[in-house]
Structure formats: structure tokens, C-alpha cells
């Protein structure tokens, strides 16, 4: 799997994370969606990793993903930031996976 982070997205990530220790995860979030195929792609910044997380090196920073959820992602993806919608975007050459993706900062109690 290959993920590229644009300079606009990297700048916004650094601004929002602002030196907080943790790990950037690309999630396929199924909480409240009803079933596994109705999930939403999301960016989470978490204090700890899960045992199922795998490492993906990008051009900007390391990203983690749940190995069991990789089937929902495309092989080549790009994380971008749109100032017009003030949101991150997850794209692949084939499609826009999420055009309005927020960054969720998770705490130890979340």
C-alpha cells in the first residue's frame, strides 16, 4: 500500500497536532454505521496503537492502519487538504474515498 501526503495536508496536520505525542491512524470507522461495509474513512491521532495496527511509511510521516481493514482501502492513495471545505480528503486514482475527512484527536479515555 502506498500513501502520499500533500504539502497542504502535512502543514495542516502539523498545525492541528502541534507537538502532541501520538500516532496518526487512517481508520475505516464502522462505529454506528450498522455493518462493516458501511464504514467511513477517517484520520485519528491516538495516544496508543492497537495490536492489529500495521505501519505505512509515507513521504511525510508514518501512518498506521488496522490490518484487518485494509481491504476497504485502495492500493495507492493521497491525503490532501481542501481549504475551501476546511477538511482533509482521501483520494485514489480511481475515486474520492472521503472528500470531507476530519482529524479526530483521541485521548486515553476515548
PDB file of N, CA and C in Angstrom:
ATOM      1  N   UNK A   1       0.842  -1.175   0.000  1.00  0.00           N
ATOM      2  CA  UNK A   1       0.000   0.000   0.000  1.00  0.00           C
ATOM      3  C   UNK A   1       0.891   1.244   0.000  1.00  0.00           C
ATOM      4  N   UNK A   2       0.469   2.237  -0.768  1.00  0.00           N
ATOM      5  CA  UNK A   2       1.239   3.475  -0.899  1.00  0.00           C
ATOM      6  C   UNK A   2       0.340   4.672  -0.572  1.00  0.00           C
ATOM      7  N   UNK A   3       0.813   5.516   0.336  1.00  0.00           N
ATOM      8  CA  UNK A   3       0.070   6.715   0.712  1.00  0.00           C
ATOM      9  C   UNK A   3       0.989   7.924   0.573  1.00  0.00           C
ATOM     10  N   UNK A   4       0.498   8.948  -0.100  1.00  0.00           N
ATOM     11  CA  UNK A   4       1.231  10.197  -0.255  1.00  0.00           C
ATOM     12  C   UNK A   4       0.449  11.289   0.477  1.00  0.00           C
ATOM     13  N   UNK A   5       1.161  12.137   1.207  1.00  0.00           N
ATOM     14  CA  UNK A   5       0.545  13.257   1.912  1.00  0.00           C
ATOM     15  C   UNK A   5       0.986  14.541   1.214  1.00  0.00           C
ATOM     16  N   UNK A   6       0.024  15.343   0.772  1.00  0.00           N
ATOM     17  CA  UNK A   6       0.372  16.594   0.098  1.00  0.00           C
ATOM     18  C   UNK A   6       0.960  17.576   1.103  1.00  0.00           C
ATOM     19  N   UNK A   7       1.639  18.596   0.596  1.00  0.00           N
ATOM     20  CA  UNK A   7       2.230  19.601   1.486  1.00  0.00           C
ATOM     21  C   UNK A   7       1.150  20.365   2.247  1.00  0.00           C
ATOM     22  N   UNK A   8      -0.002  20.618   1.621  1.00  0.00           N
ATOM     23  CA  UNK A   8      -1.110  21.303   2.309  1.00  0.00           C
ATOM     24  C   UNK A   8      -1.631  20.461   3.471  1.00  0.00           C
ATOM     25  N   UNK A   9      -1.764  19.153   3.255  1.00  0.00           N
ATOM     26  CA  UNK A   9      -2.237  18.258   4.314  1.00  0.00           C
ATOM     27  C   UNK A   9      -1.194  18.142   5.424  1.00  0.00           C
ATOM     28  N   UNK A  10       0.080  18.035   5.060  1.00  0.00           N
ATOM     29  CA  UNK A  10       1.146  17.929   6.061  1.00  0.00           C
ATOM     30  C   UNK A  10       1.190  19.174   6.937  1.00  0.00           C
ATOM     31  N   UNK A  11       1.041  20.334   6.325  1.00  0.00           N
ATOM     32  CA  UNK A  11       1.052  21.588   7.072  1.00  0.00           C
ATOM     33  C   UNK A  11      -0.127  21.648   8.058  1.00  0.00           C
ATOM     34  N   UNK A  12      -1.304  21.250   7.609  1.00  0.00           N
ATOM     35  CA  UNK A  12      -2.489  21.284   8.461  1.00  0.00           C
ATOM     36  C   UNK A  12      -2.401  20.222   9.563  1.00  0.00           C
ATOM     37  N   UNK A  13      -1.852  19.049   9.252  1.00  0.00           N
ATOM     38  CA  UNK A  13      -1.650  18.015  10.281  1.00  0.00           C
ATOM     39  C   UNK A  13      -0.731  18.534  11.378  1.00  0.00           C
ATOM     40  N   UNK A  14       0.399  19.103  10.981  1.00  0.00           N
ATOM     41  CA  UNK A  14       1.360  19.632  11.955  1.00  0.00           C
ATOM     42  C   UNK A  14       0.744  20.736  12.803  1.00  0.00           C
ATOM     43  N   UNK A  15      -0.059  21.579  12.182  1.00  0.00           N
ATOM     44  CA  UNK A  15      -0.725  22.668  12.901  1.00  0.00           C
ATOM     45  C   UNK A  15      -1.708  22.124  13.943  1.00  0.00           C
ATOM     46  N   UNK A  16      -2.480  21.112  13.563  1.00  0.00           N
ATOM     47  CA  UNK A  16      -3.505  20.581  14.468  1.00  0.00           C
ATOM     48  C   UNK A  16      -2.936  19.655  15.538  1.00  0.00           C
ATOM     49  N   UNK A  17      -1.898  18.904  15.193  1.00  0.00           N
ATOM     50  CA  UNK A  17      -1.278  18.005  16.173  1.00  0.00           C
ATOM     51  C   UNK A  17      -0.403  18.814  17.135  1.00  0.00           C
ATOM     52  N   UNK A  18       0.300  19.794  16.599  1.00  0.00           N
ATOM     53  CA  UNK A  18       1.062  20.769  17.376  1.00  0.00           C
ATOM     54  C   UNK A  18       1.939  20.149  18.463  1.00  0.00           C
ATOM     55  N   UNK A  19       2.769  19.194  18.103  1.00  0.00           N
ATOM     56  CA  UNK A  19       3.728  18.624  19.039  1.00  0.00           C
ATOM     57  C   UNK A  19       3.175  17.591  20.001  1.00  0.00           C
ATOM     58  N   UNK A  20       1.885  17.277  19.940  1.00  0.00           N
ATOM     59  CA  UNK A  20       1.284  16.266  20.805  1.00  0.00           C
ATOM     60  C   UNK A  20       1.862  14.900  20.459  1.00  0.00           C
ATOM     61  N   UNK A  21       2.229  14.127  21.471  1.00  0.00           N
ATOM     62  CA  UNK A  21       2.742  12.788  21.210  1.00  0.00           C
ATOM     63  C   UNK A  21       1.598  11.848  20.860  1.00  0.00           C
ATOM     64  N   UNK A  22       1.836  11.013  19.861  1.00  0.00           N
ATOM     65  CA  UNK A  22       0.816  10.054  19.456  1.00  0.00           C
ATOM     66  C   UNK A  22       1.114   9.499  18.082  1.00  0.00           C
ATOM     67  N   UNK A  23       0.099   8.865  17.507  1.00  0.00           N
ATOM     68  CA  UNK A  23       0.246   8.153  16.243  1.00  0.00           C
ATOM     69  C   UNK A  23      -0.902   8.538  15.316  1.00  0.00           C
ATOM     70  N   UNK A  24      -0.579   8.781  14.056  1.00  0.00           N
ATOM     71  CA  UNK A  24      -1.592   9.105  13.061  1.00  0.00           C
ATOM     72  C   UNK A  24      -2.117   7.809  12.455  1.00  0.00           C
ATOM     73  N   UNK A  25      -3.433   7.618  12.558  1.00  0.00           N
ATOM     74  CA  UNK A  25      -4.058   6.411  12.013  1.00  0.00           C
ATOM     75  C   UNK A  25      -5.052   6.783  10.923  1.00  0.00           C
ATOM     76  N   UNK A  26      -5.027   6.020   9.863  1.00  0.00           N
ATOM     77  CA  UNK A  26      -6.044   6.102   8.834  1.00  0.00           C
ATOM     78  C   UNK A  26      -7.031   4.998   9.149  1.00  0.00           C
ATOM     79  N   UNK A  27      -8.240   5.386   9.548  1.00  0.00           N
ATOM     80  CA  UNK A  27      -9.230   4.437  10.057  1.00  0.00           C
ATOM     81  C   UNK A  27     -10.320   4.176   9.034  1.00  0.00           C
ATOM     82  N   UNK A  28     -10.864   2.988   9.100  1.00  0.00           N
ATOM     83  CA  UNK A  28     -12.129   2.674   8.457  1.00  0.00           C
ATOM     84  C   UNK A  28     -13.086   2.489   9.620  1.00  0.00           C
ATOM     85  N   UNK A  29     -13.775   3.564   9.969  1.00  0.00           N
ATOM     86  CA  UNK A  29     -14.586   3.627  11.179  1.00  0.00           C
ATOM     87  C   UNK A  29     -15.981   3.070  10.913  1.00  0.00           C
ATOM     88  N   UNK A  30     -16.344   2.007  11.621  1.00  0.00           N
ATOM     89  CA  UNK A  30     -17.662   1.400  11.438  1.00  0.00           C
ATOM     90  C   UNK A  30     -18.580   1.635  12.628  1.00  0.00           C
ATOM     91  N   UNK A  31     -18.125   2.376  13.637  1.00  0.00           N
ATOM     92  CA  UNK A  31     -18.960   2.653  14.811  1.00  0.00           C
ATOM     93  C   UNK A  31     -20.214   3.412  14.403  1.00  0.00           C
ATOM     94  N   UNK A  32     -21.365   2.861  14.726  1.00  0.00           N
ATOM     95  CA  UNK A  32     -22.642   3.492  14.434  1.00  0.00           C
ATOM     96  C   UNK A  32     -23.077   3.417  12.987  1.00  0.00           C
ATOM     97  N   UNK A  33     -22.362   2.653  12.166  1.00  0.00           N
ATOM     98  CA  UNK A  33     -22.694   2.578  10.744  1.00  0.00           C
ATOM     99  C   UNK A  33     -23.618   1.411  10.398  1.00  0.00           C
ATOM    100  N   UNK A  34     -23.835   0.493  11.315  1.00  0.00           N
ATOM    101  CA  UNK A  34     -24.744  -0.605  11.048  1.00  0.00           C
ATOM    102  C   UNK A  34     -24.055  -1.885  10.634  1.00  0.00           C
ATOM    103  N   UNK A  35     -23.157  -1.809   9.657  1.00  0.00           N
ATOM    104  CA  UNK A  35     -22.423  -3.013   9.253  1.00  0.00           C
ATOM    105  C   UNK A  35     -21.049  -2.621   8.729  1.00  0.00           C
ATOM    106  N   UNK A  36     -20.190  -3.596   8.577  1.00  0.00           N
ATOM    107  CA  UNK A  36     -18.783  -3.350   8.232  1.00  0.00           C
ATOM    108  C   UNK A  36     -18.599  -2.689   6.873  1.00  0.00           C
ATOM    109  N   UNK A  37     -19.498  -2.912   5.923  1.00  0.00           N
ATOM    110  CA  UNK A  37     -19.311  -2.324   4.597  1.00  0.00           C
ATOM    111  C   UNK A  37     -19.883  -0.907   4.498  1.00  0.00           C
ATOM    112  N   UNK A  38     -20.390  -0.376   5.592  1.00  0.00           N
ATOM    113  CA  UNK A  38     -20.936   0.980   5.605  1.00  0.00           C
ATOM    114  C   UNK A  38     -20.051   1.928   6.402  1.00  0.00           C
ATOM    115  N   UNK A  39     -18.774   1.667   6.453  1.00  0.00           N
ATOM    116  CA  UNK A  39     -17.852   2.471   7.251  1.00  0.00           C
ATOM    117  C   UNK A  39     -17.497   3.794   6.603  1.00  0.00           C
ATOM    118  N   UNK A  40     -16.781   4.602   7.373  1.00  0.00           N
ATOM    119  CA  UNK A  40     -16.350   5.927   6.946  1.00  0.00           C
ATOM    120  C   UNK A  40     -14.833   6.014   7.122  1.00  0.00           C
ATOM    121  N   UNK A  41     -14.147   6.534   6.122  1.00  0.00           N
ATOM    122  CA  UNK A  41     -12.704   6.735   6.209  1.00  0.00           C
ATOM    123  C   UNK A  41     -12.435   7.963   7.064  1.00  0.00           C
ATOM    124  N   UNK A  42     -11.501   7.844   8.019  1.00  0.00           N
ATOM    125  CA  UNK A  42     -11.239   8.931   8.954  1.00  0.00           C
ATOM    126  C   UNK A  42      -9.761   8.965   9.333  1.00  0.00           C
ATOM    127  N   UNK A  43      -9.311  10.140   9.765  1.00  0.00           N
ATOM    128  CA  UNK A  43      -7.974  10.302  10.327  1.00  0.00           C
ATOM    129  C   UNK A  43      -8.118  10.440  11.831  1.00  0.00           C
ATOM    130  N   UNK A  44      -7.401   9.627  12.568  1.00  0.00           N
ATOM    131  CA  UNK A  44      -7.393   9.700  14.023  1.00  0.00           C
ATOM    132  C   UNK A  44      -5.961   9.921  14.480  1.00  0.00           C
ATOM    133  N   UNK A  45      -5.794  10.701  15.520  1.00  0.00           N
ATOM    134  CA  UNK A  45      -4.490  10.854  16.170  1.00  0.00           C
ATOM    135  C   UNK A  45      -4.664  10.265  17.562  1.00  0.00           C
ATOM    136  N   UNK A  46      -3.997   9.140  17.809  1.00  0.00           N
ATOM    137  CA  UNK A  46      -4.236   8.344  19.017  1.00  0.00           C
ATOM    138  C   UNK A  46      -2.986   8.277  19.898  1.00  0.00           C
ATOM    139  N   UNK A  47      -3.178   8.133  21.220  1.00  0.00           N
ATOM    140  CA  UNK A  47      -2.025   8.049  22.122  1.00  0.00           C
ATOM    141  C   UNK A  47      -1.344   6.677  22.106  1.00  0.00           C
ATOM    142  N   UNK A  48      -2.068   5.634  21.694  1.00  0.00           N
ATOM    143  CA  UNK A  48      -1.520   4.269  21.688  1.00  0.00           C
ATOM    144  C   UNK A  48      -1.989   3.526  20.445  1.00  0.00           C
ATOM    145  N   UNK A  49      -1.190   2.564  20.026  1.00  0.00           N
ATOM    146  CA  UNK A  49      -1.547   1.727  18.884  1.00  0.00           C
ATOM    147  C   UNK A  49      -2.245   0.459  19.366  1.00  0.00           C
ATOM    148  N   UNK A  50      -3.005  -0.158  18.468  1.00  0.00           N
ATOM    149  CA  UNK A  50      -3.654  -1.433  18.737  1.00  0.00           C
ATOM    150  C   UNK A  50      -2.789  -2.566  18.190  1.00  0.00           C
ATOM    151  N   UNK A  51      -3.011  -3.763  18.669  1.00  0.00           N
ATOM    152  CA  UNK A  51      -2.191  -4.913  18.254  1.00  0.00           C
ATOM    153  C   UNK A  51      -2.355  -5.232  16.766  1.00  0.00           C
ATOM    154  N   UNK A  52      -3.474  -4.831  16.164  1.00  0.00           N
ATOM    155  CA  UNK A  52      -3.757  -5.111  14.756  1.00  0.00           C
ATOM    156  C   UNK A  52      -3.199  -4.039  13.812  1.00  0.00           C
ATOM    157  N   UNK A  53      -2.586  -2.983  14.346  1.00  0.00           N
ATOM    158  CA  UNK A  53      -2.122  -1.880  13.512  1.00  0.00           C
ATOM    159  C   UNK A  53      -0.858  -2.243  12.736  1.00  0.00           C
ATOM    160  N   UNK A  54      -0.842  -1.827  11.472  1.00  0.00           N
ATOM    161  CA  UNK A  54       0.339  -2.011  10.633  1.00  0.00           C
ATOM    162  C   UNK A  54       0.904  -0.639  10.273  1.00  0.00           C
ATOM    163  N   UNK A  55       2.189  -0.621   9.970  1.00  0.00           N
ATOM    164  CA  UNK A  55       2.913   0.611   9.673  1.00  0.00           C
ATOM    165  C   UNK A  55       2.955   0.857   8.174  1.00  0.00           C
ATOM    166  N   UNK A  56       2.684   2.100   7.784  1.00  0.00           N
ATOM    167  CA  UNK A  56       2.824   2.506   6.386  1.00  0.00           C
ATOM    168  C   UNK A  56       3.665   3.772   6.364  1.00  0.00           C
ATOM    169  N   UNK A  57       4.793   3.692   5.707  1.00  0.00           N
ATOM    170  CA  UNK A  57       5.671   4.861   5.568  1.00  0.00           C
ATOM    171  C   UNK A  57       5.152   5.714   4.416  1.00  0.00           C
ATOM    172  N   UNK A  58       5.092   7.019   4.627  1.00  0.00           N
ATOM    173  CA  UNK A  58       4.667   7.940   3.582  1.00  0.00           C
ATOM    174  C   UNK A  58       5.800   8.926   3.311  1.00  0.00           C
ATOM    175  N   UNK A  59       5.561   9.847   2.417  1.00  0.00           N
ATOM    176  CA  UNK A  59       6.556  10.865   2.106  1.00  0.00           C
ATOM    177  C   UNK A  59       6.719  11.883   3.237  1.00  0.00           C
ATOM    178  N   UNK A  60       5.771  11.958   4.172  1.00  0.00           N
ATOM    179  CA  UNK A  60       5.800  12.957   5.233  1.00  0.00           C
ATOM    180  C   UNK A  60       5.959  12.377   6.632  1.00  0.00           C
ATOM    181  N   UNK A  61       5.159  11.387   6.971  1.00  0.00           N
ATOM    182  CA  UNK A  61       5.152  10.815   8.316  1.00  0.00           C
ATOM    183  C   UNK A  61       4.611   9.397   8.244  1.00  0.00           C
ATOM    184  N   UNK A  62       4.860   8.634   9.297  1.00  0.00           N
ATOM    185  CA  UNK A  62       4.358   7.270   9.374  1.00  0.00           C
ATOM    186  C   UNK A  62       2.875   7.301   9.703  1.00  0.00           C
ATOM    187  N   UNK A  63       2.124   6.460   9.017  1.00  0.00           N
ATOM    188  CA  UNK A  63       0.693   6.307   9.270  1.00  0.00           C
ATOM    189  C   UNK A  63       0.451   4.852   9.654  1.00  0.00           C
ATOM    190  N   UNK A  64      -0.528   4.648  10.511  1.00  0.00           N
ATOM    191  CA  UNK A  64      -0.890   3.301  10.951  1.00  0.00           C
ATOM    192  C   UNK A  64      -2.307   2.989  10.499  1.00  0.00           C
ATOM    193  N   UNK A  65      -2.539   1.719  10.202  1.00  0.00           N
ATOM    194  CA  UNK A  65      -3.862   1.240   9.788  1.00  0.00           C
ATOM    195  C   UNK A  65      -4.121  -0.108  10.428  1.00  0.00           C
ATOM    196  N   UNK A  66      -5.381  -0.401  10.671  1.00  0.00           N
ATOM    197  CA  UNK A  66      -5.736  -1.728  11.153  1.00  0.00           C
ATOM    198  C   UNK A  66      -5.600  -2.711   9.995  1.00  0.00           C
ATOM    199  N   UNK A  67      -4.781  -3.712  10.185  1.00  0.00           N
ATOM    200  CA  UNK A  67      -4.516  -4.678   9.120  1.00  0.00           C
ATOM    201  C   UNK A  67      -5.808  -5.326   8.626  1.00  0.00           C
ATOM    202  N   UNK A  68      -6.731  -5.592   9.521  1.00  0.00           N
ATOM    203  CA  UNK A  68      -7.982  -6.255   9.152  1.00  0.00           C
ATOM    204  C   UNK A  68      -8.895  -5.372   8.302  1.00  0.00           C
ATOM    205  N   UNK A  69      -8.627  -4.059   8.244  1.00  0.00           N
ATOM    206  CA  UNK A  69      -9.489  -3.145   7.481  1.00  0.00           C
ATOM    207  C   UNK A  69      -8.865  -2.695   6.161  1.00  0.00           C
ATOM    208  N   UNK A  70      -7.677  -3.181   5.828  1.00  0.00           N
ATOM    209  CA  UNK A  70      -7.005  -2.728   4.603  1.00  0.00           C
ATOM    210  C   UNK A  70      -7.787  -3.083   3.340  1.00  0.00           C
ATOM    211  N   UNK A  71      -8.640  -4.067   3.404  1.00  0.00           N
ATOM    212  CA  UNK A  71      -9.441  -4.478   2.247  1.00  0.00           C
ATOM    213  C   UNK A  71     -10.353  -3.342   1.761  1.00  0.00           C
ATOM    214  N   UNK A  72     -10.689  -2.395   2.627  1.00  0.00           N
ATOM    215  CA  UNK A  72     -11.579  -1.299   2.258  1.00  0.00           C
ATOM    216  C   UNK A  72     -10.849  -0.130   1.592  1.00  0.00           C
ATOM    217  N   UNK A  73      -9.525  -0.146   1.607  1.00  0.00           N
ATOM    218  CA  UNK A  73      -8.722   0.940   1.055  1.00  0.00           C
ATOM    219  C   UNK A  73      -8.188   0.581  -0.318  1.00  0.00           C
ATOM    220  N   UNK A  74      -7.837   1.597  -1.113  1.00  0.00           N
ATOM    221  CA  UNK A  74      -7.209   1.376  -2.406  1.00  0.00           C
ATOM    222  C   UNK A  74      -5.700   1.208  -2.218  1.00  0.00           C
ATOM    223  N   UNK A  75      -5.045   0.639  -3.215  1.00  0.00           N
ATOM    224  CA  UNK A  75      -3.616   0.348  -3.122  1.00  0.00           C
ATOM    225  C   UNK A  75      -2.773   1.632  -3.101  1.00  0.00           C
ATOM    226  N   UNK A  76      -3.171   2.635  -3.879  1.00  0.00           N
ATOM    227  CA  UNK A  76      -2.465   3.920  -3.914  1.00  0.00           C
ATOM    228  C   UNK A  76      -3.458   5.002  -3.504  1.00  0.00           C
ATOM    229  N   UNK A  77      -3.061   5.795  -2.496  1.00  0.00           N
ATOM    230  CA  UNK A  77      -3.946   6.850  -2.004  1.00  0.00           C
ATOM    231  C   UNK A  77      -3.160   8.116  -1.721  1.00  0.00           C
ATOM    232  N   UNK A  78      -3.911   9.213  -1.646  1.00  0.00           N
ATOM    233  CA  UNK A  78      -3.317  10.505  -1.336  1.00  0.00           C
ATOM    234  C   UNK A  78      -4.190  11.185  -0.284  1.00  0.00           C
ATOM    235  N   UNK A  79      -3.524  11.728   0.745  1.00  0.00           N
ATOM    236  CA  UNK A  79      -4.223  12.547   1.740  1.00  0.00           C
ATOM    237  C   UNK A  79      -3.927  13.999   1.394  1.00  0.00           C
ATOM    238  N   UNK A  80      -4.992  14.752   1.161  1.00  0.00           N
ATOM    239  CA  UNK A  80      -4.865  16.155   0.774  1.00  0.00           C
ATOM    240  C   UNK A  80      -5.675  16.995   1.767  1.00  0.00           C
ATOM    241  N   UNK A  81      -5.528  18.313   1.679  1.00  0.00           N
ATOM    242  CA  UNK A  81      -6.337  19.208   2.499  1.00  0.00           C
ATOM    243  C   UNK A  81      -6.967  20.252   1.598  1.00  0.00           C
ATOM    244  N   UNK A  82      -8.273  20.440   1.752  1.00  0.00           N
ATOM    245  CA  UNK A  82      -9.004  21.444   0.987  1.00  0.00           C
ATOM    246  C   UNK A  82      -9.306  22.625   1.900  1.00  0.00           C
ATOM    247  N   UNK A  83      -8.763  23.787   1.554  1.00  0.00           N
ATOM    248  CA  UNK A  83      -9.060  24.976   2.354  1.00  0.00           C
ATOM    249  C   UNK A  83     -10.495  25.442   2.099  1.00  0.00           C
ATOM    250  N   UNK A  84     -11.052  25.143   0.931  1.00  0.00           N
ATOM    251  CA  UNK A  84     -12.430  25.533   0.611  1.00  0.00           C
ATOM    252  C   UNK A  84     -13.432  24.854   1.550  1.00  0.00           C
ATOM    253  N   UNK A  85     -13.200  23.570   1.864  1.00  0.00           N
ATOM    254  CA  UNK A  85     -14.111  22.845   2.759  1.00  0.00           C
ATOM    255  C   UNK A  85     -13.532  22.694   4.169  1.00  0.00           C
ATOM    256  N   UNK A  86     -12.294  23.179   4.363  1.00  0.00           N
ATOM    257  CA  UNK A  86     -11.595  23.071   5.643  1.00  0.00           C
ATOM    258  C   UNK A  86     -11.580  21.623   6.153  1.00  0.00           C
ATOM    259  N   UNK A  87     -11.247  20.721   5.244  1.00  0.00           N
ATOM    260  CA  UNK A  87     -11.225  19.306   5.615  1.00  0.00           C
ATOM    261  C   UNK A  87     -10.151  18.558   4.829  1.00  0.00           C
ATOM    262  N   UNK A  88      -9.755  17.443   5.413  1.00  0.00           N
ATOM    263  CA  UNK A  88      -8.837  16.546   4.730  1.00  0.00           C
ATOM    264  C   UNK A  88      -9.619  15.746   3.700  1.00  0.00           C
ATOM    265  N   UNK A  89      -8.892  15.244   2.708  1.00  0.00           N
ATOM    266  CA  UNK A  89      -9.511  14.421   1.670  1.00  0.00           C
ATOM    267  C   UNK A  89      -8.656  13.190   1.437  1.00  0.00           C
ATOM    268  N   UNK A  90      -9.312  12.061   1.291  1.00  0.00           N
ATOM    269  CA  UNK A  90      -8.629  10.813   0.960  1.00  0.00           C
ATOM    270  C   UNK A  90      -9.023  10.442  -0.459  1.00  0.00           C
ATOM    271  N   UNK A  91      -8.015  10.394  -1.342  1.00  0.00           N
ATOM    272  CA  UNK A  91      -8.260  10.146  -2.759  1.00  0.00           C
ATOM    273  C   UNK A  91      -7.385   8.998  -3.247  1.00  0.00           C
ATOM    274  N   UNK A  92      -7.844   8.378  -4.323  1.00  0.00           N
ATOM    275  CA  UNK A  92      -7.018   7.415  -5.040  1.00  0.00           C
ATOM    276  C   UNK A  92      -7.146   7.753  -6.520  1.00  0.00           C
ATOM    277  N   UNK A  93      -6.351   7.140  -7.382  1.00  0.00           N
ATOM    278  CA  UNK A  93      -6.510   7.407  -8.813  1.00  0.00           C
ATOM    279  C   UNK A  93      -7.905   7.037  -9.331  1.00  0.00           C
ATOM    280  N   UNK A  94      -8.594   6.125  -8.661  1.00  0.00           N
ATOM    281  CA  UNK A  94      -9.897   5.658  -9.111  1.00  0.00           C
ATOM    282  C   UNK A  94     -11.075   6.466  -8.557  1.00  0.00           C
ATOM    283  N   UNK A  95     -10.910   7.070  -7.357  1.00  0.00           N
ATOM    284  CA  UNK A  95     -12.071   7.659  -6.705  1.00  0.00           C
ATOM    285  C   UNK A  95     -11.675   8.577  -5.550  1.00  0.00           C
ATOM    286  N   UNK A  96     -12.657   9.320  -5.061  1.00  0.00           N
ATOM    287  CA  UNK A  96     -12.510  10.064  -3.812  1.00  0.00           C
ATOM    288  C   UNK A  96     -13.133   9.189  -2.736  1.00  0.00           C
ATOM    289  N   UNK A  97     -12.312   8.735  -1.799  1.00  0.00           N
ATOM    290  CA  UNK A  97     -12.784   7.846  -0.743  1.00  0.00           C
ATOM    291  C   UNK A  97     -13.514   8.625   0.345  1.00  0.00           C
ATOM    292  N   UNK A  98     -13.031   9.824   0.667  1.00  0.00           N
ATOM    293  CA  UNK A  98     -13.713  10.714   1.596  1.00  0.00           C
ATOM    294  C   UNK A  98     -13.267  12.144   1.293  1.00  0.00           C
ATOM    295  N   UNK A  99     -14.191  12.960   0.828  1.00  0.00           N
ATOM    296  CA  UNK A  99     -13.885  14.336   0.473  1.00  0.00           C
ATOM    297  C   UNK A  99     -13.983  15.307   1.632  1.00  0.00           C
ATOM    298  N   UNK A 100     -14.512  14.843   2.763  1.00  0.00           N
ATOM    299  CA  UNK A 100     -14.708  15.697   3.948  1.00  0.00           C
ATOM    300  C   UNK A 100     -14.250  14.959   5.195  1.00  0.00           C
ATOM    301  N   UNK A 101     -12.981  14.652   5.257  1.00  0.00           N
ATOM    302  CA  UNK A 101     -12.431  13.851   6.346  1.00  0.00           C
ATOM    303  C   UNK A 101     -11.840  14.766   7.413  1.00  0.00           C
ATOM    304  N   UNK A 102     -12.293  14.585   8.644  1.00  0.00           N
ATOM    305  CA  UNK A 102     -11.753  15.393   9.740  1.00  0.00           C
ATOM    306  C   UNK A 102     -10.612  14.650  10.417  1.00  0.00           C
ATOM    307  N   UNK A 103      -9.874  15.375  11.237  1.00  0.00           N
ATOM    308  CA  UNK A 103      -8.837  14.771  12.072  1.00  0.00           C
ATOM    309  C   UNK A 103      -9.381  14.713  13.485  1.00  0.00           C
ATOM    310  N   UNK A 104      -9.526  13.509  14.012  1.00  0.00           N
ATOM    311  CA  UNK A 104     -10.056  13.305  15.360  1.00  0.00           C
ATOM    312  C   UNK A 104      -8.894  13.063  16.305  1.00  0.00           C
ATOM    313  N   UNK A 105      -8.744  13.934  17.306  1.00  0.00           N
ATOM    314  CA  UNK A 105      -7.689  13.780  18.313  1.00  0.00           C
ATOM    315  C   UNK A 105      -8.271  12.963  19.452  1.00  0.00           C
ATOM    316  N   UNK A 106      -7.801  11.727  19.582  1.00  0.00           N
ATOM    317  CA  UNK A 106      -8.302  10.812  20.602  1.00  0.00           C
ATOM    318  C   UNK A 106      -7.436  10.903  21.854  1.00  0.00           C
ATOM    319  N   UNK A 107      -8.074  10.912  23.006  1.00  0.00           N
ATOM    320  CA  UNK A 107      -7.365  10.887  24.272  1.00  0.00           C
ATOM    321  C   UNK A 107      -7.328   9.482  24.835  1.00  0.00           C
ATOM    322  N   UNK A 108      -6.650   9.309  25.934  1.00  0.00           N
ATOM    323  CA  UNK A 108      -6.527   7.982  26.543  1.00  0.00           C
ATOM    324  C   UNK A 108      -7.863   7.420  27.021  1.00  0.00           C
ATOM    325  N   UNK A 109      -8.867   8.252  27.265  1.00  0.00           N
ATOM    326  CA  UNK A 109     -10.153   7.766  27.740  1.00  0.00           C
ATOM    327  C   UNK A 109     -11.179   7.597  26.633  1.00  0.00           C
ATOM    328  N   UNK A 110     -10.862   8.010  25.393  1.00  0.00           N
ATOM    329  CA  UNK A 110     -11.808   7.904  24.267  1.00  0.00           C
ATOM    330  C   UNK A 110     -11.962   6.471  23.805  1.00  0.00           C
TER     331      UNK A 110
END
